[in-house]
Amino acid sequence: MANLAQLDDEYHGLHAAAVEPGYRRVAWQRCHGRTTRVRVCDYTCECQQIVYELCQAGGLMFVRRFYRCDGVLEHQSDWLRAPAATRLWSRILLGQAR
């Protein structure tokens, strides 16, 4: 069995699957300062060029998307209730939405 330090070095994090045919287009919007505090609940691996974050703030959730190469937040999804946001998050991870 591998030791924990070795396992930690090898594990990067979640990767979003490649886009599937017939995927759903997300209505991405420019990020705006709707709130001052946002909790990141989950995220994809930073070894990819595009990183996604599942975020929560003010009782709602949304997905942020940014490009790792310049580190600037680019877009966010609509703010949704938790069940709808977690479905969107799952679809992004499975390649069914972008």
PDB file of N, CA and C in Angstrom:
ATOM      1  N   MET A   1       0.843  -1.193   0.000  1.00  0.00           N
ATOM      2  CA  MET A   1       0.000   0.000   0.000  1.00  0.00           C
ATOM      3  C   MET A   1       0.879   1.244   0.000  1.00  0.00           C
ATOM      4  N   ALA A   2       0.513   2.218  -0.824  1.00  0.00           N
ATOM      5  CA  ALA A   2       1.290   3.457  -0.929  1.00  0.00           C
ATOM      6  C   ALA A   2       1.133   4.277   0.346  1.00  0.00           C
ATOM      7  N   ASN A   3       2.205   4.974   0.724  1.00  0.00           N
ATOM      8  CA  ASN A   3       2.074   5.823   1.903  1.00  0.00           C
ATOM      9  C   ASN A   3       1.285   7.088   1.537  1.00  0.00           C
ATOM     10  N   LEU A   4       0.786   7.779   2.534  1.00  0.00           N
ATOM     11  CA  LEU A   4      -0.096   8.928   2.301  1.00  0.00           C
ATOM     12  C   LEU A   4       0.597  10.076   1.572  1.00  0.00           C
ATOM     13  N   ALA A   5       1.859  10.319   1.861  1.00  0.00           N
ATOM     14  CA  ALA A   5       2.573  11.404   1.188  1.00  0.00           C
ATOM     15  C   ALA A   5       2.682  11.133  -0.309  1.00  0.00           C
ATOM     16  N   GLN A   6       2.971   9.881  -0.674  1.00  0.00           N
ATOM     17  CA  GLN A   6       3.075   9.522  -2.086  1.00  0.00           C
ATOM     18  C   GLN A   6       1.716   9.646  -2.769  1.00  0.00           C
ATOM     19  N   LEU A   7       0.671   9.197  -2.101  1.00  0.00           N
ATOM     20  CA  LEU A   7      -0.673   9.286  -2.647  1.00  0.00           C
ATOM     21  C   LEU A   7      -1.076  10.743  -2.840  1.00  0.00           C
ATOM     22  N   ASP A   8      -0.722  11.600  -1.891  1.00  0.00           N
ATOM     23  CA  ASP A   8      -1.037  13.019  -1.978  1.00  0.00           C
ATOM     24  C   ASP A   8      -0.327  13.666  -3.168  1.00  0.00           C
ATOM     25  N   ASP A   9       0.915  13.256  -3.436  1.00  0.00           N
ATOM     26  CA  ASP A   9       1.660  13.799  -4.567  1.00  0.00           C
ATOM     27  C   ASP A   9       1.055  13.370  -5.900  1.00  0.00           C
ATOM     28  N   GLU A  10       0.494  12.164  -5.956  1.00  0.00           N
ATOM     29  CA  GLU A  10      -0.045  11.635  -7.201  1.00  0.00           C
ATOM     30  C   GLU A  10      -1.467  12.116  -7.483  1.00  0.00           C
ATOM     31  N   TYR A  11      -2.214  12.455  -6.455  1.00  0.00           N
ATOM     32  CA  TYR A  11      -3.615  12.846  -6.632  1.00  0.00           C
ATOM     33  C   TYR A  11      -3.709  14.339  -6.899  1.00  0.00           C
ATOM     34  N   HIS A  12      -4.284  14.692  -8.015  1.00  0.00           N
ATOM     35  CA  HIS A  12      -4.434  16.100  -8.369  1.00  0.00           C
ATOM     36  C   HIS A  12      -5.766  16.652  -7.902  1.00  0.00           C
ATOM     37  N   GLY A  13      -6.838  15.975  -8.192  1.00  0.00           N
ATOM     38  CA  GLY A  13      -8.177  16.445  -7.890  1.00  0.00           C
ATOM     39  C   GLY A  13      -9.135  16.051  -8.992  1.00  0.00           C
ATOM     40  N   LEU A  14     -10.341  16.544  -8.889  1.00  0.00           N
ATOM     41  CA  LEU A  14     -11.371  16.230  -9.880  1.00  0.00           C
ATOM     42  C   LEU A  14     -11.035  16.850 -11.232  1.00  0.00           C
ATOM     43  N   HIS A  15     -11.279  16.099 -12.282  1.00  0.00           N
ATOM     44  CA  HIS A  15     -11.157  16.618 -13.642  1.00  0.00           C
ATOM     45  C   HIS A  15     -12.524  16.537 -14.294  1.00  0.00           C
ATOM     46  N   ALA A  16     -12.933  17.597 -14.956  1.00  0.00           N
ATOM     47  CA  ALA A  16     -14.175  17.561 -15.718  1.00  0.00           C
ATOM     48  C   ALA A  16     -13.950  16.669 -16.939  1.00  0.00           C
ATOM     49  N   ALA A  17     -14.909  15.805 -17.214  1.00  0.00           N
ATOM     50  CA  ALA A  17     -14.812  14.908 -18.371  1.00  0.00           C
ATOM     51  C   ALA A  17     -14.880  15.715 -19.668  1.00  0.00           C
ATOM     52  N   ALA A  18     -14.420  15.119 -20.735  1.00  0.00           N
ATOM     53  CA  ALA A  18     -14.512  15.760 -22.051  1.00  0.00           C
ATOM     54  C   ALA A  18     -15.985  15.993 -22.398  1.00  0.00           C
ATOM     55  N   VAL A  19     -16.224  17.012 -23.175  1.00  0.00           N
ATOM     56  CA  VAL A  19     -17.597  17.378 -23.538  1.00  0.00           C
ATOM     57  C   VAL A  19     -18.228  16.267 -24.365  1.00  0.00           C
ATOM     58  N   GLU A  20     -19.442  15.899 -24.003  1.00  0.00           N
ATOM     59  CA  GLU A  20     -20.197  14.877 -24.731  1.00  0.00           C
ATOM     60  C   GLU A  20     -20.997  15.526 -25.853  1.00  0.00           C
ATOM     61  N   PRO A  21     -21.285  14.777 -26.917  1.00  0.00           N
ATOM     62  CA  PRO A  21     -22.149  15.306 -27.976  1.00  0.00           C
ATOM     63  C   PRO A  21     -23.518  15.675 -27.391  1.00  0.00           C
ATOM     64  N   GLY A  22     -24.060  16.779 -27.827  1.00  0.00           N
ATOM     65  CA  GLY A  22     -25.363  17.219 -27.349  1.00  0.00           C
ATOM     66  C   GLY A  22     -25.317  17.840 -25.961  1.00  0.00           C
ATOM     67  N   TYR A  23     -24.141  18.306 -25.535  1.00  0.00           N
ATOM     68  CA  TYR A  23     -24.016  18.885 -24.205  1.00  0.00           C
ATOM     69  C   TYR A  23     -24.860  20.152 -24.063  1.00  0.00           C
ATOM     70  N   ARG A  24     -25.178  20.501 -22.839  1.00  0.00           N
ATOM     71  CA  ARG A  24     -25.980  21.690 -22.538  1.00  0.00           C
ATOM     72  C   ARG A  24     -25.053  22.894 -22.368  1.00  0.00           C
ATOM     73  N   ARG A  25     -25.400  23.983 -23.034  1.00  0.00           N
ATOM     74  CA  ARG A  25     -24.606  25.212 -22.886  1.00  0.00           C
ATOM     75  C   ARG A  25     -25.057  25.962 -21.639  1.00  0.00           C
ATOM     76  N   VAL A  26     -24.097  26.308 -20.809  1.00  0.00           N
ATOM     77  CA  VAL A  26     -24.379  27.075 -19.598  1.00  0.00           C
ATOM     78  C   VAL A  26     -24.418  28.549 -19.980  1.00  0.00           C
ATOM     79  N   ALA A  27     -25.362  29.283 -19.418  1.00  0.00           N
ATOM     80  CA  ALA A  27     -25.465  30.728 -19.667  1.00  0.00           C
ATOM     81  C   ALA A  27     -24.464  31.443 -18.756  1.00  0.00           C
ATOM     82  N   TRP A  28     -23.194  31.450 -19.166  1.00  0.00           N
ATOM     83  CA  TRP A  28     -22.150  32.084 -18.357  1.00  0.00           C
ATOM     84  C   TRP A  28     -22.296  33.598 -18.395  1.00  0.00           C
ATOM     85  N   GLN A  29     -22.022  34.233 -17.282  1.00  0.00           N
ATOM     86  CA  GLN A  29     -22.082  35.695 -17.164  1.00  0.00           C
ATOM     87  C   GLN A  29     -20.765  36.181 -16.577  1.00  0.00           C
ATOM     88  N   ARG A  30     -20.468  37.428 -16.817  1.00  0.00           N
ATOM     89  CA  ARG A  30     -19.289  38.023 -16.185  1.00  0.00           C
ATOM     90  C   ARG A  30     -19.485  38.024 -14.677  1.00  0.00           C
ATOM     91  N   CYS A  31     -18.408  37.764 -13.938  1.00  0.00           N
ATOM     92  CA  CYS A  31     -18.492  37.782 -12.475  1.00  0.00           C
ATOM     93  C   CYS A  31     -18.717  39.207 -12.000  1.00  0.00           C
ATOM     94  N   HIS A  32     -19.561  39.336 -11.020  1.00  0.00           N
ATOM     95  CA  HIS A  32     -19.819  40.647 -10.420  1.00  0.00           C
ATOM     96  C   HIS A  32     -19.859  40.491  -8.906  1.00  0.00           C
ATOM     97  N   GLY A  33     -19.602  41.557  -8.201  1.00  0.00           N
ATOM     98  CA  GLY A  33     -19.525  41.529  -6.747  1.00  0.00           C
ATOM     99  C   GLY A  33     -20.880  41.521  -6.075  1.00  0.00           C
ATOM    100  N   ARG A  34     -21.597  40.439  -6.214  1.00  0.00           N
ATOM    101  CA  ARG A  34     -22.936  40.341  -5.614  1.00  0.00           C
ATOM    102  C   ARG A  34     -22.850  40.212  -4.099  1.00  0.00           C
ATOM    103  N   THR A  35     -21.757  39.629  -3.615  1.00  0.00           N
ATOM    104  CA  THR A  35     -21.546  39.468  -2.184  1.00  0.00           C
ATOM    105  C   THR A  35     -20.054  39.559  -1.885  1.00  0.00           C
ATOM    106  N   THR A  36     -19.731  39.828  -0.643  1.00  0.00           N
ATOM    107  CA  THR A  36     -18.320  39.965  -0.283  1.00  0.00           C
ATOM    108  C   THR A  36     -17.692  38.645   0.134  1.00  0.00           C
ATOM    109  N   ARG A  37     -18.520  37.681   0.558  1.00  0.00           N
ATOM    110  CA  ARG A  37     -17.982  36.393   1.009  1.00  0.00           C
ATOM    111  C   ARG A  37     -18.621  35.250   0.228  1.00  0.00           C
ATOM    112  N   VAL A  38     -17.775  34.389  -0.305  1.00  0.00           N
ATOM    113  CA  VAL A  38     -18.218  33.232  -1.075  1.00  0.00           C
ATOM    114  C   VAL A  38     -17.496  32.005  -0.534  1.00  0.00           C
ATOM    115  N   ARG A  39     -18.236  30.940  -0.329  1.00  0.00           N
ATOM    116  CA  ARG A  39     -17.655  29.670   0.133  1.00  0.00           C
ATOM    117  C   ARG A  39     -17.497  28.754  -1.072  1.00  0.00           C
ATOM    118  N   VAL A  40     -16.290  28.277  -1.315  1.00  0.00           N
ATOM    119  CA  VAL A  40     -16.039  27.314  -2.382  1.00  0.00           C
ATOM    120  C   VAL A  40     -16.268  25.922  -1.802  1.00  0.00           C
ATOM    121  N   CYS A  41     -17.286  25.238  -2.296  1.00  0.00           N
ATOM    122  CA  CYS A  41     -17.672  23.919  -1.778  1.00  0.00           C
ATOM    123  C   CYS A  41     -16.934  22.782  -2.462  1.00  0.00           C
ATOM    124  N   ASP A  42     -16.604  22.953  -3.726  1.00  0.00           N
ATOM    125  CA  ASP A  42     -15.895  21.929  -4.487  1.00  0.00           C
ATOM    126  C   ASP A  42     -15.209  22.614  -5.667  1.00  0.00           C
ATOM    127  N   TYR A  43     -14.239  21.956  -6.256  1.00  0.00           N
ATOM    128  CA  TYR A  43     -13.505  22.559  -7.364  1.00  0.00           C
ATOM    129  C   TYR A  43     -12.842  21.476  -8.189  1.00  0.00           C
ATOM    130  N   THR A  44     -12.503  21.826  -9.415  1.00  0.00           N
ATOM    131  CA  THR A  44     -11.773  20.896 -10.265  1.00  0.00           C
ATOM    132  C   THR A  44     -10.284  21.172 -10.140  1.00  0.00           C
ATOM    133  N   CYS A  45      -9.508  20.252 -10.637  1.00  0.00           N
ATOM    134  CA  CYS A  45      -8.064  20.289 -10.504  1.00  0.00           C
ATOM    135  C   CYS A  45      -7.464  21.503 -11.215  1.00  0.00           C
ATOM    136  N   GLU A  46      -6.477  22.084 -10.584  1.00  0.00           N
ATOM    137  CA  GLU A  46      -5.815  23.251 -11.160  1.00  0.00           C
ATOM    138  C   GLU A  46      -4.762  22.894 -12.193  1.00  0.00           C
ATOM    139  N   CYS A  47      -4.593  21.614 -12.486  1.00  0.00           N
ATOM    140  CA  CYS A  47      -3.646  21.242 -13.545  1.00  0.00           C
ATOM    141  C   CYS A  47      -4.282  21.437 -14.921  1.00  0.00           C
ATOM    142  N   GLN A  48      -5.581  21.660 -14.963  1.00  0.00           N
ATOM    143  CA  GLN A  48      -6.289  21.916 -16.214  1.00  0.00           C
ATOM    144  C   GLN A  48      -6.276  23.416 -16.513  1.00  0.00           C
ATOM    145  N   GLN A  49      -6.436  23.774 -17.767  1.00  0.00           N
ATOM    146  CA  GLN A  49      -6.430  25.187 -18.141  1.00  0.00           C
ATOM    147  C   GLN A  49      -7.659  25.909 -17.599  1.00  0.00           C
ATOM    148  N   ILE A  50      -8.818  25.262 -17.645  1.00  0.00           N
ATOM    149  CA  ILE A  50     -10.046  25.863 -17.118  1.00  0.00           C
ATOM    150  C   ILE A  50     -10.392  25.177 -15.810  1.00  0.00           C
ATOM    151  N   VAL A  51     -10.592  25.973 -14.773  1.00  0.00           N
ATOM    152  CA  VAL A  51     -10.928  25.464 -13.448  1.00  0.00           C
ATOM    153  C   VAL A  51     -12.351  25.885 -13.128  1.00  0.00           C
ATOM    154  N   TYR A  52     -13.128  24.955 -12.580  1.00  0.00           N
ATOM    155  CA  TYR A  52     -14.501  25.226 -12.173  1.00  0.00           C
ATOM    156  C   TYR A  52     -14.588  25.148 -10.662  1.00  0.00           C
ATOM    157  N   GLU A  53     -15.432  25.997 -10.069  1.00  0.00           N
ATOM    158  CA  GLU A  53     -15.669  25.980  -8.631  1.00  0.00           C
ATOM    159  C   GLU A  53     -17.168  25.988  -8.368  1.00  0.00           C
ATOM    160  N   LEU A  54     -17.607  25.124  -7.475  1.00  0.00           N
ATOM    161  CA  LEU A  54     -18.980  25.143  -6.997  1.00  0.00           C
ATOM    162  C   LEU A  54     -18.978  26.024  -5.761  1.00  0.00           C
ATOM    163  N   CYS A  55     -19.736  27.116  -5.808  1.00  0.00           N
ATOM    164  CA  CYS A  55     -19.693  28.122  -4.755  1.00  0.00           C
ATOM    165  C   CYS A  55     -21.054  28.302  -4.089  1.00  0.00           C
ATOM    166  N   GLN A  56     -21.005  28.807  -2.865  1.00  0.00           N
ATOM    167  CA  GLN A  56     -22.221  29.074  -2.107  1.00  0.00           C
ATOM    168  C   GLN A  56     -22.096  30.436  -1.442  1.00  0.00           C
ATOM    169  N   ALA A  57     -23.192  31.201  -1.486  1.00  0.00           N
ATOM    170  CA  ALA A  57     -23.233  32.500  -0.823  1.00  0.00           C
ATOM    171  C   ALA A  57     -24.684  32.945  -0.701  1.00  0.00           C
ATOM    172  N   GLY A  58     -25.026  33.540   0.407  1.00  0.00           N
ATOM    173  CA  GLY A  58     -26.359  34.102   0.576  1.00  0.00           C
ATOM    174  C   GLY A  58     -27.485  33.098   0.394  1.00  0.00           C
ATOM    175  N   GLY A  59     -27.265  31.833   0.748  1.00  0.00           N
ATOM    176  CA  GLY A  59     -28.306  30.823   0.630  1.00  0.00           C
ATOM    177  C   GLY A  59     -28.484  30.245  -0.763  1.00  0.00           C
ATOM    178  N   LEU A  60     -27.676  30.689  -1.720  1.00  0.00           N
ATOM    179  CA  LEU A  60     -27.751  30.178  -3.090  1.00  0.00           C
ATOM    180  C   LEU A  60     -26.395  29.615  -3.493  1.00  0.00           C
ATOM    181  N   MET A  61     -26.373  28.900  -4.604  1.00  0.00           N
ATOM    182  CA  MET A  61     -25.134  28.332  -5.114  1.00  0.00           C
ATOM    183  C   MET A  61     -24.972  28.695  -6.587  1.00  0.00           C
ATOM    184  N   PHE A  62     -23.733  28.651  -7.053  1.00  0.00           N
ATOM    185  CA  PHE A  62     -23.435  28.923  -8.451  1.00  0.00           C
ATOM    186  C   PHE A  62     -22.101  28.284  -8.793  1.00  0.00           C
ATOM    187  N   VAL A  63     -21.786  28.225 -10.071  1.00  0.00           N
ATOM    188  CA  VAL A  63     -20.512  27.677 -10.532  1.00  0.00           C
ATOM    189  C   VAL A  63     -19.704  28.819 -11.133  1.00  0.00           C
ATOM    190  N   ARG A  64     -18.449  28.925 -10.706  1.00  0.00           N
ATOM    191  CA  ARG A  64     -17.522  29.901 -11.304  1.00  0.00           C
ATOM    192  C   ARG A  64     -16.577  29.153 -12.223  1.00  0.00           C
ATOM    193  N   ARG A  65     -16.159  29.843 -13.266  1.00  0.00           N
ATOM    194  CA  ARG A  65     -15.222  29.271 -14.240  1.00  0.00           C
ATOM    195  C   ARG A  65     -14.120  30.299 -14.462  1.00  0.00           C
ATOM    196  N   PHE A  66     -12.874  29.873 -14.341  1.00  0.00           N
ATOM    197  CA  PHE A  66     -11.775  30.790 -14.646  1.00  0.00           C
ATOM    198  C   PHE A  66     -10.644  30.056 -15.325  1.00  0.00           C
ATOM    199  N   TYR A  67      -9.820  30.832 -15.972  1.00  0.00           N
ATOM    200  CA  TYR A  67      -8.695  30.278 -16.715  1.00  0.00           C
ATOM    201  C   TYR A  67      -7.456  30.321 -15.848  1.00  0.00           C
ATOM    202  N   ARG A  68      -6.859  29.181 -15.653  1.00  0.00           N
ATOM    203  CA  ARG A  68      -5.709  29.046 -14.777  1.00  0.00           C
ATOM    204  C   ARG A  68      -4.513  29.852 -15.273  1.00  0.00           C
ATOM    205  N   CYS A  69      -4.371  30.002 -16.579  1.00  0.00           N
ATOM    206  CA  CYS A  69      -3.182  30.658 -17.132  1.00  0.00           C
ATOM    207  C   CYS A  69      -3.061  32.111 -16.674  1.00  0.00           C
ATOM    208  N   ASP A  70      -4.177  32.831 -16.508  1.00  0.00           N
ATOM    209  CA  ASP A  70      -4.052  34.203 -16.033  1.00  0.00           C
ATOM    210  C   ASP A  70      -4.701  34.415 -14.675  1.00  0.00           C
ATOM    211  N   GLY A  71      -5.362  33.412 -14.123  1.00  0.00           N
ATOM    212  CA  GLY A  71      -5.894  33.491 -12.773  1.00  0.00           C
ATOM    213  C   GLY A  71      -7.015  34.479 -12.580  1.00  0.00           C
ATOM    214  N   VAL A  72      -7.526  35.045 -13.641  1.00  0.00           N
ATOM    215  CA  VAL A  72      -8.591  36.033 -13.539  1.00  0.00           C
ATOM    216  C   VAL A  72      -9.940  35.324 -13.654  1.00  0.00           C
ATOM    217  N   LEU A  73     -10.826  35.600 -12.709  1.00  0.00           N
ATOM    218  CA  LEU A  73     -12.163  35.029 -12.800  1.00  0.00           C
ATOM    219  C   LEU A  73     -12.830  35.545 -14.055  1.00  0.00           C
ATOM    220  N   GLU A  74     -13.398  34.660 -14.794  1.00  0.00           N
ATOM    221  CA  GLU A  74     -13.993  35.044 -16.065  1.00  0.00           C
ATOM    222  C   GLU A  74     -15.514  35.039 -16.038  1.00  0.00           C
ATOM    223  N   HIS A  75     -16.104  33.930 -15.583  1.00  0.00           N
ATOM    224  CA  HIS A  75     -17.546  33.777 -15.711  1.00  0.00           C
ATOM    225  C   HIS A  75     -18.154  33.081 -14.501  1.00  0.00           C
ATOM    226  N   GLN A  76     -19.453  33.233 -14.349  1.00  0.00           N
ATOM    227  CA  GLN A  76     -20.199  32.493 -13.337  1.00  0.00           C
ATOM    228  C   GLN A  76     -21.548  32.112 -13.919  1.00  0.00           C
ATOM    229  N   SER A  77     -22.115  31.038 -13.389  1.00  0.00           N
ATOM    230  CA  SER A  77     -23.445  30.597 -13.817  1.00  0.00           C
ATOM    231  C   SER A  77     -24.495  31.451 -13.103  1.00  0.00           C
ATOM    232  N   ASP A  78     -25.749  31.191 -13.405  1.00  0.00           N
ATOM    233  CA  ASP A  78     -26.823  31.801 -12.639  1.00  0.00           C
ATOM    234  C   ASP A  78     -26.724  31.330 -11.190  1.00  0.00           C
ATOM    235  N   TRP A  79     -27.245  32.134 -10.272  1.00  0.00           N
ATOM    236  CA  TRP A  79     -27.323  31.729  -8.875  1.00  0.00           C
ATOM    237  C   TRP A  79     -28.568  30.876  -8.728  1.00  0.00           C
ATOM    238  N   LEU A  80     -28.405  29.690  -8.151  1.00  0.00           N
ATOM    239  CA  LEU A  80     -29.466  28.697  -8.111  1.00  0.00           C
ATOM    240  C   LEU A  80     -29.656  28.164  -6.695  1.00  0.00           C
ATOM    241  N   ARG A  81     -30.803  27.534  -6.485  1.00  0.00           N
ATOM    242  CA  ARG A  81     -31.002  26.797  -5.239  1.00  0.00           C
ATOM    243  C   ARG A  81     -30.088  25.582  -5.271  1.00  0.00           C
ATOM    244  N   ALA A  82     -29.777  25.065  -4.102  1.00  0.00           N
ATOM    245  CA  ALA A  82     -28.789  23.985  -3.977  1.00  0.00           C
ATOM    246  C   ALA A  82     -29.055  22.774  -4.872  1.00  0.00           C
ATOM    247  N   PRO A  83     -30.279  22.236  -4.950  1.00  0.00           N
ATOM    248  CA  PRO A  83     -30.472  21.055  -5.808  1.00  0.00           C
ATOM    249  C   PRO A  83     -30.155  21.318  -7.284  1.00  0.00           C
ATOM    250  N   ALA A  84     -30.573  22.464  -7.798  1.00  0.00           N
ATOM    251  CA  ALA A  84     -30.308  22.798  -9.196  1.00  0.00           C
ATOM    252  C   ALA A  84     -28.817  23.044  -9.428  1.00  0.00           C
ATOM    253  N   ALA A  85     -28.155  23.684  -8.480  1.00  0.00           N
ATOM    254  CA  ALA A  85     -26.721  23.965  -8.620  1.00  0.00           C
ATOM    255  C   ALA A  85     -25.904  22.677  -8.576  1.00  0.00           C
ATOM    256  N   THR A  86     -26.262  21.749  -7.706  1.00  0.00           N
ATOM    257  CA  THR A  86     -25.512  20.494  -7.645  1.00  0.00           C
ATOM    258  C   THR A  86     -25.751  19.642  -8.892  1.00  0.00           C
ATOM    259  N   ARG A  87     -26.937  19.742  -9.489  1.00  0.00           N
ATOM    260  CA  ARG A  87     -27.175  19.052 -10.767  1.00  0.00           C
ATOM    261  C   ARG A  87     -26.293  19.654 -11.856  1.00  0.00           C
ATOM    262  N   LEU A  88     -26.220  20.987 -11.901  1.00  0.00           N
ATOM    263  CA  LEU A  88     -25.357  21.653 -12.884  1.00  0.00           C
ATOM    264  C   LEU A  88     -23.908  21.241 -12.673  1.00  0.00           C
ATOM    265  N   TRP A  89     -23.463  21.222 -11.434  1.00  0.00           N
ATOM    266  CA  TRP A  89     -22.091  20.829 -11.108  1.00  0.00           C
ATOM    267  C   TRP A  89     -21.816  19.406 -11.610  1.00  0.00           C
ATOM    268  N   SER A  90     -22.736  18.492 -11.365  1.00  0.00           N
ATOM    269  CA  SER A  90     -22.581  17.111 -11.822  1.00  0.00           C
ATOM    270  C   SER A  90     -22.509  17.042 -13.341  1.00  0.00           C
ATOM    271  N   ARG A  91     -23.339  17.806 -14.017  1.00  0.00           N
ATOM    272  CA  ARG A  91     -23.327  17.812 -15.485  1.00  0.00           C
ATOM    273  C   ARG A  91     -22.008  18.336 -16.035  1.00  0.00           C
ATOM    274  N   ILE A  92     -21.466  19.352 -15.395  1.00  0.00           N
ATOM    275  CA  ILE A  92     -20.155  19.873 -15.824  1.00  0.00           C
ATOM    276  C   ILE A  92     -19.082  18.804 -15.640  1.00  0.00           C
ATOM    277  N   LEU A  93     -19.065  18.143 -14.484  1.00  0.00           N
ATOM    278  CA  LEU A  93     -18.064  17.111 -14.235  1.00  0.00           C
ATOM    279  C   LEU A  93     -18.190  15.940 -15.197  1.00  0.00           C
ATOM    280  N   LEU A  94     -19.420  15.623 -15.605  1.00  0.00           N
ATOM    281  CA  LEU A  94     -19.655  14.491 -16.507  1.00  0.00           C
ATOM    282  C   LEU A  94     -19.510  14.857 -17.984  1.00  0.00           C
ATOM    283  N   GLY A  95     -19.253  16.139 -18.289  1.00  0.00           N
ATOM    284  CA  GLY A  95     -19.110  16.569 -19.680  1.00  0.00           C
ATOM    285  C   GLY A  95     -20.441  16.809 -20.366  1.00  0.00           C
ATOM    286  N   GLN A  96     -21.523  16.872 -19.611  1.00  0.00           N
ATOM    287  CA  GLN A  96     -22.853  17.075 -20.171  1.00  0.00           C
ATOM    288  C   GLN A  96     -23.238  18.546 -20.230  1.00  0.00           C
ATOM    289  N   ALA A  97     -22.410  19.423 -19.687  1.00  0.00           N
ATOM    290  CA  ALA A  97     -22.674  20.873 -19.718  1.00  0.00           C
ATOM    291  C   ALA A  97     -21.344  21.611 -19.774  1.00  0.00           C
ATOM    292  N   ARG A  98     -21.337  22.712 -20.449  1.00  0.00           N
ATOM    293  CA  ARG A  98     -20.205  23.644 -20.498  1.00  0.00           C
ATOM    294  C   ARG A  98     -20.775  25.003 -20.755  1.00  0.00           C
TER     295      ARG A  98
END
